[in-house]
Amino acid sequence: MINITKKEEVVLDQIKIFNIEYPDGIPVDILKKELGFHEYDLVQILEELQNKDLVDFSDNKVSLSKSEKEINTVNSKKDIKELELNLKEEESYKLIKSLVDDKNLISKYTLEGYLLYGDLKLTNFRMYHIILSLQNKGLLKLINKADGEYYLLVE
């Protein structure tokens, strides 16, 4: 699922409307005139939509991306960051579930290594924030054993 702001949604909807009329790409000037956005703001929004793989934007022309994606609209970029953090927590939890042994244990250092250098590529700050959040929610518990520190996945 891709999260976009309301302004991004307005621009994307307008691109969908003009897409049939301009099969070779919609000129940015046409969008600017129709939407009433300042060109700088419009270009930033188009670049964001391109980064999210929703549109193709080059040579001052924009067209819809070929891929179909599920879209969720939120009020602001702050809401997107909060939502994406929650998504990172979910992804981390799924990763932990796949890594634990039959006793639901995983070495602290192994888990941190997978979170930092695995597919999620979290920063140190985000990794510790997610681990702490999962502990506060009662999903993960730090355990000291004779041979080191482990996390217990609580299900």
N, C-alpha and C. Protein backbone atom coordinates (compact mmCIF):
# COMPACT_ATOMS: atom_id res chain seq x y z
N MET A 1 0.84 -1.17 0.00
CA MET A 1 0.00 0.00 0.00
C MET A 1 0.89 1.23 0.00
N ILE A 2 0.50 2.21 -0.81
CA ILE A 2 1.25 3.45 -0.92
C ILE A 2 0.44 4.56 -0.26
N ASN A 3 1.12 5.36 0.56
CA ASN A 3 0.47 6.46 1.26
C ASN A 3 0.78 7.76 0.54
N ILE A 4 -0.27 8.54 0.25
CA ILE A 4 -0.10 9.83 -0.38
C ILE A 4 -0.88 10.89 0.38
N THR A 5 -0.48 12.16 0.19
CA THR A 5 -1.20 13.26 0.83
C THR A 5 -2.40 13.64 -0.03
N LYS A 6 -3.26 14.49 0.53
CA LYS A 6 -4.46 14.92 -0.20
C LYS A 6 -4.09 15.72 -1.46
N LYS A 7 -3.05 16.56 -1.38
CA LYS A 7 -2.61 17.31 -2.56
C LYS A 7 -2.11 16.36 -3.64
N GLU A 8 -1.35 15.34 -3.23
CA GLU A 8 -0.87 14.35 -4.20
C GLU A 8 -2.05 13.63 -4.85
N GLU A 9 -3.09 13.37 -4.06
CA GLU A 9 -4.28 12.70 -4.59
C GLU A 9 -4.98 13.58 -5.64
N VAL A 10 -5.07 14.88 -5.36
CA VAL A 10 -5.71 15.80 -6.30
C VAL A 10 -4.95 15.79 -7.63
N VAL A 11 -3.63 15.85 -7.56
CA VAL A 11 -2.82 15.85 -8.77
C VAL A 11 -2.96 14.52 -9.50
N LEU A 12 -2.90 13.42 -8.77
CA LEU A 12 -3.02 12.10 -9.38
C LEU A 12 -4.38 11.93 -10.06
N ASP A 13 -5.44 12.39 -9.43
CA ASP A 13 -6.77 12.30 -10.03
C ASP A 13 -6.84 13.10 -11.33
N GLN A 14 -6.21 14.28 -11.33
CA GLN A 14 -6.21 15.10 -12.55
C GLN A 14 -5.41 14.43 -13.66
N ILE A 15 -4.32 13.77 -13.30
CA ILE A 15 -3.52 13.03 -14.28
C ILE A 15 -4.35 11.90 -14.88
N LYS A 16 -5.12 11.23 -14.05
CA LYS A 16 -5.98 10.15 -14.55
C LYS A 16 -7.01 10.68 -15.55
N ILE A 17 -7.52 11.87 -15.29
CA ILE A 17 -8.51 12.47 -16.19
C ILE A 17 -7.87 12.82 -17.54
N PHE A 18 -6.69 13.45 -17.50
CA PHE A 18 -6.02 13.88 -18.73
C PHE A 18 -5.27 12.76 -19.44
N ASN A 19 -5.07 11.64 -18.80
CA ASN A 19 -4.24 10.57 -19.37
C ASN A 19 -4.76 10.09 -20.73
N ILE A 20 -6.07 10.01 -20.90
CA ILE A 20 -6.65 9.54 -22.16
C ILE A 20 -6.44 10.59 -23.26
N GLU A 21 -6.58 11.86 -22.89
CA GLU A 21 -6.47 12.95 -23.86
C GLU A 21 -5.02 13.16 -24.34
N TYR A 22 -4.05 12.86 -23.47
CA TYR A 22 -2.63 13.05 -23.79
C TYR A 22 -1.88 11.73 -23.65
N PRO A 23 -1.97 10.83 -24.63
CA PRO A 23 -1.33 9.51 -24.50
C PRO A 23 0.21 9.57 -24.46
N ASP A 24 0.81 10.66 -24.97
CA ASP A 24 2.27 10.79 -24.97
C ASP A 24 2.79 11.53 -23.74
N GLY A 25 1.93 11.82 -22.80
CA GLY A 25 2.31 12.52 -21.59
C GLY A 25 1.61 13.86 -21.49
N ILE A 26 1.21 14.20 -20.30
CA ILE A 26 0.48 15.45 -20.04
C ILE A 26 1.50 16.54 -19.75
N PRO A 27 1.49 17.64 -20.50
CA PRO A 27 2.40 18.74 -20.21
C PRO A 27 2.13 19.33 -18.83
N VAL A 28 3.19 19.66 -18.12
CA VAL A 28 3.07 20.22 -16.77
C VAL A 28 2.27 21.53 -16.80
N ASP A 29 2.43 22.31 -17.88
CA ASP A 29 1.69 23.58 -17.99
C ASP A 29 0.18 23.37 -17.96
N ILE A 30 -0.29 22.29 -18.59
CA ILE A 30 -1.72 21.98 -18.61
C ILE A 30 -2.20 21.68 -17.19
N LEU A 31 -1.43 20.86 -16.45
CA LEU A 31 -1.79 20.54 -15.06
C LEU A 31 -1.76 21.79 -14.19
N LYS A 32 -0.72 22.61 -14.39
CA LYS A 32 -0.57 23.83 -13.60
C LYS A 32 -1.78 24.75 -13.82
N LYS A 33 -2.19 24.90 -15.07
CA LYS A 33 -3.33 25.76 -15.40
C LYS A 33 -4.63 25.20 -14.81
N GLU A 34 -4.83 23.90 -14.93
CA GLU A 34 -6.07 23.26 -14.46
C GLU A 34 -6.17 23.26 -12.94
N LEU A 35 -5.06 22.97 -12.26
CA LEU A 35 -5.08 22.84 -10.80
C LEU A 35 -4.87 24.17 -10.06
N GLY A 36 -4.22 25.12 -10.72
CA GLY A 36 -3.95 26.39 -10.06
C GLY A 36 -2.80 26.32 -9.05
N PHE A 37 -1.95 25.32 -9.17
CA PHE A 37 -0.79 25.19 -8.28
C PHE A 37 0.37 26.00 -8.83
N HIS A 38 1.24 26.47 -7.94
CA HIS A 38 2.48 27.09 -8.36
C HIS A 38 3.35 25.99 -8.98
N GLU A 39 4.12 26.34 -10.01
CA GLU A 39 4.89 25.32 -10.74
C GLU A 39 5.86 24.57 -9.83
N TYR A 40 6.51 25.28 -8.91
CA TYR A 40 7.46 24.65 -8.00
C TYR A 40 6.76 23.57 -7.16
N ASP A 41 5.60 23.91 -6.61
CA ASP A 41 4.84 22.95 -5.79
C ASP A 41 4.39 21.76 -6.61
N LEU A 42 3.90 22.03 -7.82
CA LEU A 42 3.43 20.96 -8.69
C LEU A 42 4.56 20.01 -9.05
N VAL A 43 5.73 20.55 -9.38
CA VAL A 43 6.88 19.70 -9.73
C VAL A 43 7.29 18.85 -8.53
N GLN A 44 7.28 19.42 -7.34
CA GLN A 44 7.61 18.64 -6.14
C GLN A 44 6.62 17.50 -5.94
N ILE A 45 5.35 17.76 -6.12
CA ILE A 45 4.32 16.73 -5.97
C ILE A 45 4.50 15.65 -7.02
N LEU A 46 4.79 16.05 -8.25
CA LEU A 46 5.00 15.08 -9.33
C LEU A 46 6.23 14.20 -9.05
N GLU A 47 7.27 14.81 -8.51
CA GLU A 47 8.47 14.03 -8.16
C GLU A 47 8.17 13.04 -7.04
N GLU A 48 7.37 13.45 -6.06
CA GLU A 48 6.96 12.54 -4.99
C GLU A 48 6.16 11.37 -5.56
N LEU A 49 5.23 11.67 -6.46
CA LEU A 49 4.41 10.62 -7.07
C LEU A 49 5.28 9.69 -7.92
N GLN A 50 6.30 10.25 -8.56
CA GLN A 50 7.21 9.40 -9.33
C GLN A 50 8.03 8.51 -8.40
N ASN A 51 8.49 9.05 -7.29
CA ASN A 51 9.26 8.26 -6.31
C ASN A 51 8.42 7.11 -5.76
N LYS A 52 7.11 7.32 -5.71
CA LYS A 52 6.20 6.28 -5.22
C LYS A 52 5.74 5.36 -6.35
N ASP A 53 6.31 5.55 -7.54
CA ASP A 53 6.04 4.73 -8.72
C ASP A 53 4.58 4.79 -9.15
N LEU A 54 3.97 5.96 -9.00
CA LEU A 54 2.59 6.14 -9.43
C LEU A 54 2.50 6.83 -10.79
N VAL A 55 3.51 7.66 -11.10
CA VAL A 55 3.55 8.35 -12.39
C VAL A 55 4.96 8.29 -12.96
N ASP A 56 5.05 8.54 -14.25
CA ASP A 56 6.33 8.72 -14.92
C ASP A 56 6.43 10.20 -15.27
N PHE A 57 7.49 10.87 -14.79
CA PHE A 57 7.64 12.31 -14.96
C PHE A 57 9.00 12.61 -15.54
N SER A 58 9.02 13.11 -16.79
CA SER A 58 10.28 13.54 -17.40
C SER A 58 9.97 14.51 -18.54
N ASP A 59 10.93 15.35 -18.85
CA ASP A 59 10.81 16.33 -19.93
C ASP A 59 9.54 17.18 -19.81
N ASN A 60 9.20 17.57 -18.59
CA ASN A 60 8.01 18.39 -18.31
C ASN A 60 6.71 17.76 -18.79
N LYS A 61 6.71 16.43 -18.86
CA LYS A 61 5.49 15.69 -19.18
C LYS A 61 5.31 14.59 -18.15
N VAL A 62 4.07 14.27 -17.87
CA VAL A 62 3.76 13.26 -16.87
C VAL A 62 2.72 12.30 -17.43
N SER A 63 2.88 11.03 -17.09
CA SER A 63 1.89 10.02 -17.48
C SER A 63 1.74 9.02 -16.34
N LEU A 64 0.65 8.31 -16.35
CA LEU A 64 0.41 7.31 -15.31
C LEU A 64 1.39 6.17 -15.42
N SER A 65 1.80 5.66 -14.30
CA SER A 65 2.67 4.48 -14.27
C SER A 65 1.85 3.26 -14.67
N LYS A 66 2.51 2.26 -15.19
CA LYS A 66 1.82 1.05 -15.65
C LYS A 66 1.35 0.17 -14.49
N SER A 67 2.00 0.29 -13.34
CA SER A 67 1.69 -0.61 -12.22
C SER A 67 0.46 -0.14 -11.45
N GLU A 68 -0.35 -1.11 -11.05
CA GLU A 68 -1.52 -0.84 -10.22
C GLU A 68 -1.12 -0.99 -8.75
N LYS A 69 -1.37 0.02 -7.96
CA LYS A 69 -1.01 -0.03 -6.55
C LYS A 69 -2.21 0.39 -5.72
N GLU A 70 -2.28 -0.18 -4.52
CA GLU A 70 -3.32 0.22 -3.57
C GLU A 70 -2.85 1.51 -2.90
N ILE A 71 -3.73 2.52 -2.90
CA ILE A 71 -3.36 3.85 -2.42
C ILE A 71 -4.18 4.21 -1.19
N ASN A 72 -3.49 4.78 -0.20
CA ASN A 72 -4.13 5.28 1.01
C ASN A 72 -3.84 6.77 1.10
N THR A 73 -4.87 7.59 1.28
CA THR A 73 -4.70 9.04 1.35
C THR A 73 -4.76 9.49 2.81
N VAL A 74 -3.78 10.33 3.19
CA VAL A 74 -3.73 10.90 4.54
C VAL A 74 -3.66 12.42 4.42
N ASN A 75 -3.80 13.10 5.54
CA ASN A 75 -3.87 14.56 5.53
C ASN A 75 -2.55 15.26 5.24
N SER A 76 -1.43 14.72 5.80
CA SER A 76 -0.17 15.45 5.68
C SER A 76 1.02 14.49 5.61
N LYS A 77 2.18 15.07 5.35
CA LYS A 77 3.40 14.27 5.31
C LYS A 77 3.74 13.72 6.70
N LYS A 78 3.36 14.45 7.74
CA LYS A 78 3.58 13.97 9.11
C LYS A 78 2.80 12.67 9.33
N ASP A 79 1.56 12.63 8.84
CA ASP A 79 0.75 11.42 8.96
C ASP A 79 1.38 10.26 8.19
N ILE A 80 1.97 10.56 7.04
CA ILE A 80 2.64 9.52 6.25
C ILE A 80 3.80 8.94 7.03
N LYS A 81 4.61 9.80 7.68
CA LYS A 81 5.76 9.31 8.45
C LYS A 81 5.31 8.41 9.59
N GLU A 82 4.25 8.80 10.30
CA GLU A 82 3.73 7.98 11.39
C GLU A 82 3.23 6.64 10.88
N LEU A 83 2.52 6.66 9.77
CA LEU A 83 1.98 5.44 9.17
C LEU A 83 3.10 4.53 8.71
N GLU A 84 4.13 5.11 8.08
CA GLU A 84 5.25 4.30 7.59
C GLU A 84 6.03 3.70 8.75
N LEU A 85 6.14 4.41 9.88
CA LEU A 85 6.81 3.84 11.04
C LEU A 85 6.04 2.63 11.53
N ASN A 86 4.71 2.74 11.57
CA ASN A 86 3.90 1.59 11.97
C ASN A 86 4.08 0.44 10.99
N LEU A 87 4.20 0.74 9.71
CA LEU A 87 4.43 -0.31 8.71
C LEU A 87 5.79 -0.96 8.94
N LYS A 88 6.81 -0.16 9.29
CA LYS A 88 8.14 -0.71 9.58
C LYS A 88 8.08 -1.62 10.81
N GLU A 89 7.27 -1.25 11.79
CA GLU A 89 7.09 -2.11 12.96
C GLU A 89 6.49 -3.45 12.55
N GLU A 90 5.47 -3.39 11.69
CA GLU A 90 4.84 -4.63 11.23
C GLU A 90 5.82 -5.49 10.46
N GLU A 91 6.59 -4.87 9.56
CA GLU A 91 7.58 -5.61 8.79
C GLU A 91 8.64 -6.22 9.71
N SER A 92 9.06 -5.46 10.71
CA SER A 92 10.05 -5.96 11.67
C SER A 92 9.50 -7.14 12.45
N TYR A 93 8.24 -7.03 12.87
CA TYR A 93 7.62 -8.11 13.63
C TYR A 93 7.54 -9.39 12.79
N LYS A 94 7.17 -9.23 11.51
CA LYS A 94 7.12 -10.40 10.60
C LYS A 94 8.50 -11.01 10.45
N LEU A 95 9.52 -10.16 10.33
CA LEU A 95 10.89 -10.65 10.21
C LEU A 95 11.30 -11.42 11.47
N ILE A 96 10.98 -10.87 12.62
CA ILE A 96 11.32 -11.53 13.89
C ILE A 96 10.62 -12.89 13.96
N LYS A 97 9.35 -12.94 13.56
CA LYS A 97 8.61 -14.22 13.57
C LYS A 97 9.31 -15.26 12.71
N SER A 98 9.88 -14.84 11.60
CA SER A 98 10.54 -15.78 10.70
C SER A 98 11.91 -16.21 11.21
N LEU A 99 12.50 -15.43 12.12
CA LEU A 99 13.86 -15.71 12.59
C LEU A 99 13.94 -16.49 13.90
N VAL A 100 12.89 -16.45 14.71
CA VAL A 100 12.96 -17.08 16.03
C VAL A 100 13.06 -18.60 15.90
N ASP A 101 13.64 -19.20 16.94
CA ASP A 101 13.75 -20.67 16.95
C ASP A 101 12.45 -21.28 17.49
N ASP A 102 12.46 -22.58 17.76
CA ASP A 102 11.25 -23.27 18.20
C ASP A 102 10.78 -22.83 19.59
N LYS A 103 11.64 -22.14 20.34
CA LYS A 103 11.26 -21.62 21.66
C LYS A 103 10.93 -20.13 21.60
N ASN A 104 10.78 -19.60 20.38
CA ASN A 104 10.49 -18.19 20.15
C ASN A 104 11.60 -17.26 20.65
N LEU A 105 12.84 -17.72 20.59
CA LEU A 105 13.99 -16.93 21.01
C LEU A 105 14.86 -16.57 19.82
N ILE A 106 15.48 -15.39 19.91
CA ILE A 106 16.49 -14.99 18.93
C ILE A 106 17.54 -14.17 19.67
N SER A 107 18.79 -14.40 19.32
CA SER A 107 19.88 -13.65 19.93
C SER A 107 19.70 -12.16 19.65
N LYS A 108 19.99 -11.36 20.66
CA LYS A 108 19.85 -9.91 20.55
C LYS A 108 20.68 -9.39 19.38
N TYR A 109 21.90 -9.87 19.26
CA TYR A 109 22.81 -9.36 18.23
C TYR A 109 22.43 -9.85 16.84
N THR A 110 21.89 -11.05 16.75
CA THR A 110 21.41 -11.56 15.47
C THR A 110 20.23 -10.72 14.99
N LEU A 111 19.29 -10.47 15.87
CA LEU A 111 18.13 -9.66 15.51
C LEU A 111 18.55 -8.26 15.08
N GLU A 112 19.40 -7.62 15.85
CA GLU A 112 19.84 -6.28 15.51
C GLU A 112 20.56 -6.28 14.16
N GLY A 113 21.34 -7.31 13.89
CA GLY A 113 22.03 -7.41 12.61
C GLY A 113 21.06 -7.52 11.45
N TYR A 114 20.03 -8.36 11.60
CA TYR A 114 19.03 -8.51 10.54
C TYR A 114 18.26 -7.21 10.31
N LEU A 115 17.94 -6.50 11.39
CA LEU A 115 17.20 -5.25 11.23
C LEU A 115 18.05 -4.15 10.59
N LEU A 116 19.33 -4.13 10.94
CA LEU A 116 20.21 -3.10 10.40
C LEU A 116 20.66 -3.40 8.97
N TYR A 117 21.04 -4.65 8.70
CA TYR A 117 21.69 -4.97 7.44
C TYR A 117 20.86 -5.86 6.52
N GLY A 118 19.69 -6.28 6.98
CA GLY A 118 18.82 -7.13 6.17
C GLY A 118 18.01 -6.29 5.18
N ASP A 119 16.90 -6.83 4.75
CA ASP A 119 16.06 -6.16 3.74
C ASP A 119 15.51 -4.82 4.22
N LEU A 120 15.27 -4.69 5.53
CA LEU A 120 14.68 -3.44 6.05
C LEU A 120 15.67 -2.29 6.09
N LYS A 121 16.95 -2.59 6.30
CA LYS A 121 18.01 -1.57 6.34
C LYS A 121 17.64 -0.37 7.22
N LEU A 122 17.30 -0.66 8.45
CA LEU A 122 16.93 0.40 9.39
C LEU A 122 18.16 1.12 9.90
N THR A 123 17.99 2.35 10.33
CA THR A 123 19.07 3.06 10.99
C THR A 123 19.13 2.58 12.43
N ASN A 124 20.24 2.87 13.12
CA ASN A 124 20.37 2.48 14.53
C ASN A 124 19.22 3.03 15.35
N PHE A 125 18.93 4.32 15.16
CA PHE A 125 17.87 4.97 15.94
C PHE A 125 16.53 4.30 15.70
N ARG A 126 16.18 4.07 14.43
CA ARG A 126 14.89 3.47 14.11
C ARG A 126 14.81 2.04 14.62
N MET A 127 15.91 1.29 14.50
CA MET A 127 15.92 -0.10 14.98
C MET A 127 15.62 -0.15 16.48
N TYR A 128 16.34 0.65 17.26
CA TYR A 128 16.12 0.64 18.71
C TYR A 128 14.73 1.17 19.05
N HIS A 129 14.25 2.13 18.29
CA HIS A 129 12.90 2.66 18.52
C HIS A 129 11.85 1.56 18.27
N ILE A 130 12.02 0.80 17.21
CA ILE A 130 11.07 -0.28 16.89
C ILE A 130 11.14 -1.38 17.93
N ILE A 131 12.35 -1.77 18.32
CA ILE A 131 12.50 -2.82 19.35
C ILE A 131 11.84 -2.36 20.66
N LEU A 132 12.09 -1.11 21.04
CA LEU A 132 11.50 -0.58 22.27
C LEU A 132 9.98 -0.53 22.15
N SER A 133 9.48 -0.13 21.02
CA SER A 133 8.04 -0.07 20.79
C SER A 133 7.41 -1.46 20.89
N LEU A 134 8.05 -2.46 20.28
CA LEU A 134 7.53 -3.83 20.36
C LEU A 134 7.59 -4.36 21.80
N GLN A 135 8.61 -3.96 22.55
CA GLN A 135 8.69 -4.34 23.96
C GLN A 135 7.56 -3.67 24.75
N ASN A 136 7.32 -2.39 24.49
CA ASN A 136 6.26 -1.67 25.21
C ASN A 136 4.88 -2.22 24.90
N LYS A 137 4.71 -2.77 23.71
CA LYS A 137 3.43 -3.36 23.32
C LYS A 137 3.30 -4.80 23.81
N GLY A 138 4.36 -5.31 24.47
CA GLY A 138 4.32 -6.66 25.02
C GLY A 138 4.52 -7.76 23.99
N LEU A 139 5.07 -7.41 22.83
CA LEU A 139 5.29 -8.41 21.79
C LEU A 139 6.70 -8.99 21.81
N LEU A 140 7.60 -8.30 22.47
CA LEU A 140 9.01 -8.71 22.52
C LEU A 140 9.52 -8.49 23.94
N LYS A 141 10.33 -9.43 24.42
CA LYS A 141 10.84 -9.32 25.78
C LYS A 141 12.32 -9.68 25.78
N LEU A 142 13.14 -8.85 26.43
CA LEU A 142 14.58 -9.11 26.53
C LEU A 142 14.81 -10.10 27.67
N ILE A 143 15.58 -11.15 27.37
CA ILE A 143 15.86 -12.20 28.36
C ILE A 143 17.37 -12.39 28.44
N ASN A 144 17.87 -12.50 29.67
CA ASN A 144 19.29 -12.79 29.88
C ASN A 144 19.45 -14.28 30.16
N LYS A 145 20.27 -14.94 29.34
CA LYS A 145 20.58 -16.35 29.55
C LYS A 145 22.07 -16.45 29.83
N ALA A 146 22.52 -17.63 30.23
CA ALA A 146 23.92 -17.83 30.56
C ALA A 146 24.84 -17.53 29.37
N ASP A 147 24.35 -17.81 28.16
CA ASP A 147 25.20 -17.61 26.98
C ASP A 147 24.93 -16.30 26.24
N GLY A 148 24.21 -15.36 26.85
CA GLY A 148 24.00 -14.06 26.22
C GLY A 148 22.59 -13.54 26.36
N GLU A 149 22.35 -12.42 25.67
CA GLU A 149 21.03 -11.78 25.72
C GLU A 149 20.20 -12.25 24.52
N TYR A 150 18.91 -12.47 24.78
CA TYR A 150 18.00 -12.95 23.75
C TYR A 150 16.71 -12.15 23.82
N TYR A 151 15.99 -12.13 22.71
CA TYR A 151 14.66 -11.58 22.69
C TYR A 151 13.69 -12.74 22.59
N LEU A 152 12.63 -12.69 23.39
CA LEU A 152 11.57 -13.67 23.35
C LEU A 152 10.39 -13.03 22.62
N LEU A 153 9.93 -13.71 21.57
CA LEU A 153 8.77 -13.25 20.84
C LEU A 153 7.52 -13.75 21.57
N VAL A 154 6.72 -12.83 22.07
CA VAL A 154 5.52 -13.17 22.82
C VAL A 154 4.36 -13.18 21.82
N GLU A 155 3.65 -14.31 21.74
CA GLU A 155 2.53 -14.39 20.80
C GLU A 155 1.23 -14.57 21.52
